[in-house]
Protein backbone atom coordinates (compact mmCIF):
# COMPACT_ATOMS: atom_id res chain seq x y z
CA UNK A 1 -22.42 -5.97 10.48
CA UNK A 2 -23.66 -3.11 12.66
CA UNK A 3 -21.96 -0.42 15.14
CA UNK A 4 -22.72 -2.34 18.34
CA UNK A 5 -21.30 -5.57 16.69
CA UNK A 6 -18.35 -3.37 15.52
CA UNK A 7 -17.77 -2.02 19.07
CA UNK A 8 -18.00 -5.35 20.84
CA UNK A 9 -15.19 -6.91 18.64
CA UNK A 10 -13.34 -3.70 19.02
CA UNK A 11 -13.23 -4.41 22.73
CA UNK A 12 -12.24 -7.80 22.34
CA UNK A 13 -9.27 -7.12 20.49
CA UNK A 14 -7.73 -3.96 22.39
CA UNK A 15 -5.91 -6.23 24.46
CA UNK A 16 -4.14 -7.20 21.05
CA UNK A 17 -3.65 -3.45 20.08
CA UNK A 18 -2.12 -2.41 23.07
CA UNK A 19 0.44 -5.40 22.47
CA UNK A 20 0.68 -4.59 18.88
CA UNK A 21 1.83 -1.04 20.21
CA UNK A 22 4.30 -1.83 22.75
CA UNK A 23 5.80 -4.54 19.76
CA UNK A 24 5.87 -1.60 17.55
CA UNK A 25 7.97 0.52 19.96
CA UNK A 26 10.78 -1.98 20.14
CA UNK A 27 11.56 -0.38 16.65
CA UNK A 28 10.54 3.15 16.90
CA UNK A 29 10.29 4.25 20.52
CA UNK A 30 7.84 7.16 19.82
CA UNK A 31 5.20 4.18 19.85
CA UNK A 32 5.75 4.00 23.79
CA UNK A 33 4.94 8.13 24.17
CA UNK A 34 1.79 9.69 24.82
CA UNK A 35 -0.50 6.75 25.41
CA UNK A 36 -3.04 8.60 26.90
CA UNK A 37 -3.98 10.73 24.24
CA UNK A 38 -4.37 7.07 22.54
CA UNK A 39 -7.14 6.62 24.74
CA UNK A 40 -8.95 9.85 24.70
CA UNK A 41 -6.98 11.87 27.94
CA UNK A 42 -6.29 15.20 26.72
CA UNK A 43 -6.17 18.36 28.34
CA UNK A 44 -9.60 20.58 28.32
CA UNK A 45 -9.38 23.13 25.36
CA UNK A 46 -10.59 26.59 26.48
CA UNK A 47 -11.43 27.67 22.80
CA UNK A 48 -13.40 26.21 19.67
CA UNK A 49 -11.06 24.71 17.01
CA UNK A 50 -10.85 23.33 13.43
CA UNK A 51 -9.96 19.54 13.40
CA UNK A 52 -8.08 18.08 10.55
CA UNK A 53 -7.17 14.20 10.39
CA UNK A 54 -4.29 12.65 8.90
CA UNK A 55 -3.17 9.09 9.66
CA UNK A 56 0.05 9.36 8.44
CA UNK A 57 3.10 11.06 6.70
CA UNK A 58 1.57 10.85 2.77
CA UNK A 59 -2.17 12.50 4.26
CA UNK A 60 0.02 15.07 6.51
CA UNK A 61 1.87 16.04 3.16
CA UNK A 62 -1.76 16.54 1.24
CA UNK A 63 -3.00 18.30 4.51
CA UNK A 64 -0.15 20.93 4.67
CA UNK A 65 -1.67 23.61 1.58
CA UNK A 66 -5.14 22.76 3.19
CA UNK A 67 -3.85 23.96 6.60
CA UNK A 68 -1.95 26.78 5.83
CA UNK A 69 -4.44 28.14 3.24
CA UNK A 70 -7.02 27.43 6.35
CA UNK A 71 -5.09 29.33 8.91
CA UNK A 72 -4.75 32.37 6.19
CA UNK A 73 -8.56 32.80 5.87
CA UNK A 74 -9.31 31.82 9.33
CA UNK A 75 -6.38 33.70 11.53
CA UNK A 76 -8.48 33.60 14.68
CA UNK A 77 -9.37 29.73 14.71
CA UNK A 78 -7.31 26.92 16.69
CA UNK A 79 -6.34 24.39 14.10
CA UNK A 80 -5.66 21.00 15.59
CA UNK A 81 -4.10 17.63 13.49
CA UNK A 82 -4.09 14.37 14.33
CA UNK A 83 -2.40 11.32 13.02
CA UNK A 84 -1.99 7.78 14.19
CA UNK A 85 1.76 7.22 13.77
CA UNK A 86 4.97 8.89 15.06
CA UNK A 87 5.83 9.82 11.74
CA UNK A 88 3.32 11.56 10.69
CA UNK A 89 3.46 13.30 14.28
CA UNK A 90 6.73 14.15 13.16
CA UNK A 91 6.08 15.72 9.60
CA UNK A 92 3.28 17.57 10.60
CA UNK A 93 5.27 19.29 13.53
CA UNK A 94 7.77 19.67 10.93
CA UNK A 95 5.74 21.24 8.03
CA UNK A 96 3.53 23.63 10.30
CA UNK A 97 5.67 24.22 13.26
CA UNK A 98 3.49 26.14 15.69
CA UNK A 99 0.06 26.75 13.05
CA UNK A 100 -1.34 23.78 14.54
CA UNK A 101 -1.45 21.96 17.96
CA UNK A 102 -0.84 17.75 17.23
CA UNK A 103 -2.75 15.23 19.42
CA UNK A 104 -2.56 11.14 18.21
CA UNK A 105 -6.21 9.84 17.22
CA UNK A 106 -7.83 7.64 20.07
CA UNK A 107 -8.99 4.36 19.53
CA UNK A 108 -12.06 4.31 18.15
CA UNK A 109 -13.72 2.82 21.35
CA UNK A 110 -17.17 5.05 22.56
CA UNK A 111 -15.66 6.49 25.62
CA UNK A 112 -12.27 7.38 24.69
CA UNK A 113 -14.07 9.12 21.57
CA UNK A 114 -16.11 10.43 23.67
CA UNK A 115 -13.51 12.21 26.21
CA UNK A 116 -11.04 13.16 23.06
CA UNK A 117 -14.07 14.86 21.13
CA UNK A 118 -15.17 16.85 24.46
CA UNK A 119 -11.37 17.68 25.36
CA UNK A 120 -10.65 19.21 21.98
CA UNK A 121 -14.32 21.09 21.30
CA UNK A 122 -14.29 21.17 17.47
CA UNK A 123 -16.35 22.99 15.42
CA UNK A 124 -15.42 20.80 12.25
CA UNK A 125 -13.59 17.64 11.62
CA UNK A 126 -11.94 17.09 8.35
CA UNK A 127 -10.83 13.76 7.25
CA UNK A 128 -7.96 13.40 5.05
CA UNK A 129 -8.51 10.52 2.10
CA UNK A 130 -10.43 7.73 3.59
CA UNK A 131 -9.41 7.33 7.03
CA UNK A 132 -13.09 6.66 8.45
CA UNK A 133 -13.69 5.26 12.19
CA UNK A 134 -17.54 4.30 12.94
CA UNK A 135 -17.78 5.19 16.25
CA UNK A 136 -15.74 9.06 16.04
CA UNK A 137 -18.27 10.09 13.01
CA UNK A 138 -21.55 8.70 14.93
CA UNK A 139 -20.18 10.89 17.41
CA UNK A 140 -19.57 13.87 15.80
CA UNK A 141 -23.10 13.61 13.86
CA UNK A 142 -24.47 13.09 17.28
CA UNK A 143 -22.91 16.32 18.65
CA UNK A 144 -23.51 17.95 15.58
CA UNK A 145 -20.43 18.12 14.42
CA UNK A 146 -19.76 18.43 10.47
CA UNK A 147 -17.81 15.51 9.02
CA UNK A 148 -16.18 16.97 5.20
CA UNK A 149 -14.05 13.71 3.90
CA UNK A 150 -11.33 16.12 2.19
CA UNK A 151 -9.48 14.61 -0.80
CA UNK A 152 -11.56 11.35 -0.55
CA UNK A 153 -10.21 8.39 -2.14
CA UNK A 154 -11.60 5.11 -2.47
CA UNK A 155 -9.89 2.29 -4.60
CA UNK A 156 -12.02 -0.69 -6.25
CA UNK A 157 -9.64 -3.00 -3.97
CA UNK A 158 -10.55 -0.81 -1.02
CA UNK A 159 -14.43 -0.43 -1.81
CA UNK A 160 -14.36 -4.19 -2.34
CA UNK A 161 -13.34 -4.82 1.34
CA UNK A 162 -16.19 -2.32 2.69
CA UNK A 163 -18.69 -4.26 0.76
CA UNK A 164 -18.29 -6.99 2.79
CA UNK A 165 -19.52 -4.50 5.79
CA UNK A 166 -21.77 -2.98 4.07
CA UNK A 167 -24.45 -2.07 6.44
CA UNK A 168 -21.77 -0.63 8.81
CA UNK A 169 -20.24 1.58 5.87
CA UNK A 170 -23.42 2.96 4.45
CA UNK A 171 -24.41 4.01 7.97
CA UNK A 172 -20.99 5.70 8.54
CA UNK A 173 -20.74 7.31 5.38
CA UNK A 174 -24.66 9.01 5.47
CA UNK A 175 -23.91 10.86 8.60
CA UNK A 176 -20.69 12.56 6.63
CA UNK A 177 -21.52 15.99 5.84
CA UNK A 178 -19.81 16.23 2.37
CA UNK A 179 -17.52 13.76 0.59
CA UNK A 180 -14.84 15.74 -1.53
CA UNK A 181 -14.26 12.81 -4.02
CA UNK A 182 -10.55 12.97 -6.04
CA UNK A 183 -12.14 11.52 -8.93
CA UNK A 184 -15.47 10.13 -10.39
CA UNK A 185 -14.55 7.08 -9.85
CA UNK A 186 -13.96 7.80 -6.21
CA UNK A 187 -17.27 9.46 -6.03
CA UNK A 188 -18.91 6.45 -7.97
CA UNK A 189 -17.49 4.07 -5.23
CA UNK A 190 -18.50 6.23 -2.25
CA UNK A 191 -22.32 6.69 -3.31
CA UNK A 192 -22.38 2.73 -4.39
CA UNK A 193 -21.19 1.92 -0.59
CA UNK A 194 -24.07 4.12 0.93
CA UNK A 195 -23.04 7.94 0.78
CA UNK A 196 -26.27 10.22 -0.51
CA UNK A 197 -25.06 11.68 -4.00
CA UNK A 198 -26.46 14.79 -2.77
CA UNK A 199 -23.26 15.29 -0.75
CA UNK A 200 -20.86 13.36 -2.82
CA UNK A 201 -18.88 16.15 -5.11
CA UNK A 202 -15.66 15.74 -7.25
CA UNK A 203 -12.80 18.11 -6.37
CA UNK A 204 -9.77 16.58 -7.87
CA UNK A 205 -6.58 15.97 -6.03
CA UNK A 206 -4.99 18.88 -3.88
CA UNK A 207 -1.88 16.98 -4.09
CA UNK A 208 -1.71 18.28 -7.15
CA UNK A 209 -1.55 22.00 -5.15
CA UNK A 210 1.27 21.33 -3.51
CA UNK A 211 3.99 23.92 -4.07
CA UNK A 212 7.80 23.26 -2.70
CA UNK A 213 9.35 25.77 -1.28
CA UNK A 214 11.14 28.45 -3.39
CA UNK A 215 14.65 27.06 -2.17
CA UNK A 216 13.98 23.78 -3.23
CA UNK A 217 15.89 24.27 -6.92
CA UNK A 218 18.88 25.83 -4.99
CA UNK A 219 18.98 22.86 -2.04
CA UNK A 220 18.51 20.35 -4.65
CA UNK A 221 21.54 21.04 -6.99
CA UNK A 222 24.13 21.63 -3.86
CA UNK A 223 22.86 17.88 -3.03
CA UNK A 224 23.45 17.14 -6.54
CA UNK A 225 26.99 18.37 -6.42
CA UNK A 226 27.92 16.00 -3.63
CA UNK A 227 26.34 13.05 -4.99
CA UNK A 228 28.34 13.65 -8.17
CA UNK A 229 27.01 16.07 -10.96
CA UNK A 230 28.52 13.70 -13.63
CA UNK A 231 27.31 10.44 -12.25
CA UNK A 232 23.71 9.02 -13.33
CA UNK A 233 21.47 9.58 -10.51
CA UNK A 234 18.11 7.28 -9.85
CA UNK A 235 15.72 7.30 -6.78
CA UNK A 236 14.21 4.40 -5.44
CA UNK A 237 11.42 6.17 -3.49
CA UNK A 238 9.09 4.92 -0.67
CA UNK A 239 10.00 1.20 -1.09
CA UNK A 240 8.88 -1.63 1.14
CA UNK A 241 9.62 -4.86 2.76
CA UNK A 242 10.33 -7.26 -0.41
CA UNK A 243 11.49 -4.67 -2.42
CA UNK A 244 14.34 -3.28 -1.56
CA UNK A 245 16.14 -6.66 -2.75
CA UNK A 246 14.47 -6.50 -6.00
CA UNK A 247 16.08 -2.87 -6.50
CA UNK A 248 19.70 -4.15 -5.67
CA UNK A 249 19.36 -6.84 -7.94
CA UNK A 250 18.25 -4.25 -11.03
CA UNK A 251 21.06 -2.06 -9.62
CA UNK A 252 23.47 -4.89 -10.44
CA UNK A 253 22.10 -4.65 -14.00
CA UNK A 254 22.20 -0.71 -14.38
CA UNK A 255 25.46 -0.85 -13.54
CA UNK A 256 26.51 -3.15 -16.42
CA UNK A 257 25.71 -1.12 -18.40
CA UNK A 258 26.53 2.41 -16.29
CA UNK A 259 29.61 1.70 -13.94
CA UNK A 260 29.16 4.74 -12.29
CA UNK A 261 25.17 5.01 -11.60
CA UNK A 262 24.41 6.30 -7.99
CA UNK A 263 21.33 4.67 -6.27
CA UNK A 264 19.38 6.38 -3.84
CA UNK A 265 16.83 4.33 -1.90
CA UNK A 266 14.29 5.61 0.44
CA UNK A 267 12.61 3.40 2.72
CA UNK A 268 8.76 4.10 3.36
CA UNK A 269 9.01 3.55 7.02
CA UNK A 270 11.56 5.03 9.34
CA UNK A 271 12.05 2.00 11.66
CA UNK A 272 13.32 0.19 8.13
CA UNK A 273 16.16 2.44 7.48
CA UNK A 274 18.86 0.61 9.38
CA UNK A 275 17.55 -2.88 7.97
CA UNK A 276 17.87 -1.62 4.24
CA UNK A 277 21.36 -0.22 5.08
CA UNK A 278 22.31 -3.08 6.44
CA UNK A 279 21.28 -5.21 3.62
CA UNK A 280 22.98 -2.91 1.01
CA UNK A 281 26.13 -3.19 2.81
CA UNK A 282 25.58 -7.15 3.28
CA UNK A 283 25.04 -7.22 -0.24
CA UNK A 284 28.44 -5.74 -1.18
CA UNK A 285 27.93 -1.96 -1.93
CA UNK A 286 29.19 0.86 -0.66
CA UNK A 287 26.84 3.21 1.01
CA UNK A 288 26.42 6.61 2.83
CA UNK A 289 23.63 7.42 5.01
CA UNK A 290 21.93 10.93 4.54
CA UNK A 291 21.63 11.16 8.15
CA UNK A 292 25.39 11.18 8.48
CA UNK A 293 25.82 14.49 6.49
CA UNK A 294 28.59 13.58 4.65
CA UNK A 295 29.08 13.56 1.29
CA UNK A 296 29.59 10.95 -1.62
CA UNK A 297 33.03 10.29 -3.47
CA UNK A 298 33.54 8.36 -6.35
CA UNK A 299 33.28 4.94 -4.49
CA UNK A 300 30.00 5.60 -3.08
CA UNK A 301 27.16 3.27 -4.64
CA UNK A 302 24.43 3.96 -2.37
CA UNK A 303 22.63 6.51 -0.79
CA UNK A 304 20.28 5.40 1.97
CA UNK A 305 18.11 8.73 2.44
CA UNK A 306 17.28 8.21 6.12
CA UNK A 307 16.30 11.36 6.39
CA UNK A 308 12.54 12.53 7.47
CA UNK A 309 10.71 15.38 5.11
CA UNK A 310 13.48 15.68 2.45
CA UNK A 311 11.84 13.49 -0.43
CA UNK A 312 11.04 16.11 -2.49
CA UNK A 313 14.39 17.13 -2.36
CA UNK A 314 15.34 13.94 -3.53
CA UNK A 315 13.74 13.69 -6.34
CA UNK A 316 14.56 17.05 -7.61
CA UNK A 317 18.38 16.29 -7.06
CA UNK A 318 17.69 13.01 -9.21
CA UNK A 319 17.32 11.95 -12.69
CA UNK A 320 14.70 9.42 -12.74
CA UNK A 321 12.33 8.22 -9.75
CA UNK A 322 10.85 4.72 -9.37
CA UNK A 323 8.04 5.06 -6.96
CA UNK A 324 7.92 2.26 -4.10
CA UNK A 325 5.10 0.28 -3.14
CA UNK A 326 4.53 -0.95 -6.78
CA UNK A 327 6.95 -4.13 -6.99
CA UNK A 328 4.76 -5.57 -4.23
CA UNK A 329 1.23 -5.46 -3.70
CA UNK A 330 1.04 -2.95 -1.29
CA UNK A 331 -0.82 -0.33 -4.26
CA UNK A 332 2.04 2.08 -4.90
CA UNK A 333 2.27 5.95 -3.61
CA UNK A 334 2.29 9.34 -4.63
CA UNK A 335 3.18 10.16 -8.24
CA UNK A 336 2.54 13.41 -8.47
CA UNK A 337 5.66 14.70 -6.15
CA UNK A 338 8.09 13.46 -8.45
CA UNK A 339 6.44 14.62 -11.91
CA UNK A 340 6.06 18.26 -10.22
CA UNK A 341 9.93 18.12 -9.43
CA UNK A 342 10.11 17.56 -13.27
CA UNK A 343 11.69 13.79 -12.72
CA UNK A 344 10.73 11.16 -15.27
CA UNK A 345 8.78 8.82 -12.86
CA UNK A 346 8.53 4.89 -13.04
CA UNK A 347 6.09 2.42 -11.60
CA UNK A 348 5.51 -1.20 -11.34
CA UNK A 349 2.57 -3.17 -11.82
CA UNK A 350 0.37 -2.44 -8.31
CA UNK A 351 -0.57 0.79 -8.32
CA UNK A 352 -4.30 0.34 -7.12
CA UNK A 353 -4.06 3.06 -4.51
CA UNK A 354 -3.33 5.08 -7.05
CA UNK A 355 -4.61 4.15 -10.40
CA UNK A 356 -6.32 7.11 -11.90
CA UNK A 357 -3.29 9.25 -11.34
CA UNK A 358 -0.84 6.64 -13.05
CA UNK A 359 -3.26 6.30 -15.62
CA UNK A 360 -2.99 10.35 -16.52
CA UNK A 361 1.12 10.29 -16.16
CA UNK A 362 1.63 7.51 -18.33
CA UNK A 363 -1.31 8.64 -21.13
CA UNK A 364 0.46 12.16 -20.41
CA UNK A 365 3.70 10.51 -21.47
CA UNK A 366 5.10 11.44 -17.94
CA UNK A 367 5.71 8.11 -16.67
CA UNK A 368 5.87 4.48 -17.58
CA UNK A 369 4.64 1.44 -15.98
CA UNK A 370 6.62 -1.89 -15.24
CA UNK A 371 5.74 -5.31 -14.94
CA UNK A 372 9.04 -6.67 -13.44
CA UNK A 373 12.67 -5.84 -12.68
CA UNK A 374 14.23 -6.29 -16.04
CA UNK A 375 11.72 -4.05 -17.46
CA UNK A 376 12.89 -1.47 -14.37
CA UNK A 377 16.45 -2.03 -15.11
CA UNK A 378 15.37 -1.10 -19.00
CA UNK A 379 13.63 2.11 -18.70
CA UNK A 380 16.26 3.14 -15.66
CA UNK A 381 19.04 2.97 -18.54
CA UNK A 382 17.29 4.15 -21.14
CA UNK A 383 16.50 7.52 -18.62
CA UNK A 384 19.81 8.04 -17.43
CA UNK A 385 21.37 7.49 -21.36
CA UNK A 386 19.05 10.17 -23.13
CA UNK A 387 18.95 13.36 -21.51
CA UNK A 388 16.55 14.43 -24.17
CA UNK A 389 14.12 12.16 -23.25
CA UNK A 390 14.21 13.18 -19.31
CA UNK A 391 13.37 16.74 -20.20
CA UNK A 392 10.23 15.72 -22.32
CA UNK A 393 9.21 13.54 -19.48
CA UNK A 394 9.84 16.10 -17.09
CA UNK A 395 7.93 19.29 -18.60
CA UNK A 396 5.06 16.51 -19.40
CA UNK A 397 4.75 15.82 -15.79
CA UNK A 398 5.16 19.75 -15.01
CA UNK A 399 2.33 20.44 -17.39
CA UNK A 400 0.14 17.94 -16.52
CA UNK A 401 0.27 18.93 -12.73
CA UNK A 402 -0.32 22.63 -13.68
CA UNK A 403 -3.27 21.57 -15.56
CA UNK A 404 -4.69 19.75 -12.55
CA UNK A 405 -4.49 22.41 -9.86
CA UNK A 406 -7.38 24.20 -8.20
CA UNK A 407 -8.45 20.90 -6.29
CA UNK A 408 -7.61 23.22 -2.87
CA UNK A 409 -9.77 26.02 -3.68
CA UNK A 410 -12.53 23.73 -4.79
CA UNK A 411 -12.17 22.19 -1.03
CA UNK A 412 -11.83 25.06 0.80
CA UNK A 413 -15.49 26.37 -0.79
CA UNK A 414 -16.77 23.29 0.44
CA UNK A 415 -15.29 23.82 4.11
CA UNK A 416 -16.35 27.08 3.86
CA UNK A 417 -20.02 26.08 4.02
CA UNK A 418 -19.55 24.24 7.45
CA UNK A 419 -17.51 26.95 9.64
CA UNK A 420 -19.53 29.11 11.71
């Protein structure tokens, strides 16, 4: 597929994209706001900027230390962050405050991209992970705007999809200035798809460089007291449709062994908070929603983590963490965060988005991978009953995270080559 065919198909699909935006707004009204930005209409900037694109919450989280480092190194530069989702926007504004300007990335239509880039006046575009848009990259390349793919990640599953449009992918990757890949496997896949080997570098995963605020431990201790110090607490984080029912079935088995165990469920997408809370109540469990700011009592069985930006706090207050998106074929989510908080990690069988990290953690003895809910329940009970095992795994997790720090500095050195 060439870029002209891609653009033609995109124009045909635009009405459906708009309808999907309207439909999503029924559950998340933020999707109905700031529509002009999605078609490239933004105020004309008076000065140049450094532009970072992070599609949603996970990429924004990874971008936070990068943005702060760029702000410290280049205080004279205006920094703009774009996202595709309202949750990403909320996270960027909550974590970075006034340090950045936020816009929604426009749809990859030639006119929208041209308007947006002309209004923004970027001198450099940094794309987090694998958010590649052919017309955006083509226009930046034509305007001599360097494009750096930072913390680049390309799973075998994603690479297989790109192979169906290899000509388009190859042309797009050839226009990048630098690919800073997380692992050797990622680098190899980018090169096989057409990225020139000379622009591909392995810098590591900057998620290992994320450092929680100094106050997090104290906040976690306060939260844990509100949950119950004597209770075993396990968190099911970043869960998806189809996983919560499996989690609740597992919880019933855990409670047969540990009747006072507390479950914390944090759905991945905010629009599902109410649905998951209703599912728990319908299943007969007594719940407390975090947004209610109400303490648990002995009768509380499930806490719904329906707040934004507090996942690390929940990890730090828990005894064991199951990371979702892995009991269903979503591909898993960030396993580094709970390991960095000193929490034993459990992941399901579907980890193709984070396969190297899952393998590293399991080989280091900081995580276990289960195949089904029976094994999940057994693992949760094992960890909640054995404080010594929890301590050993938590130390191994912290040590692994510490050993893998340094990707941020490597990435900053690459970026420096492209900043005027």
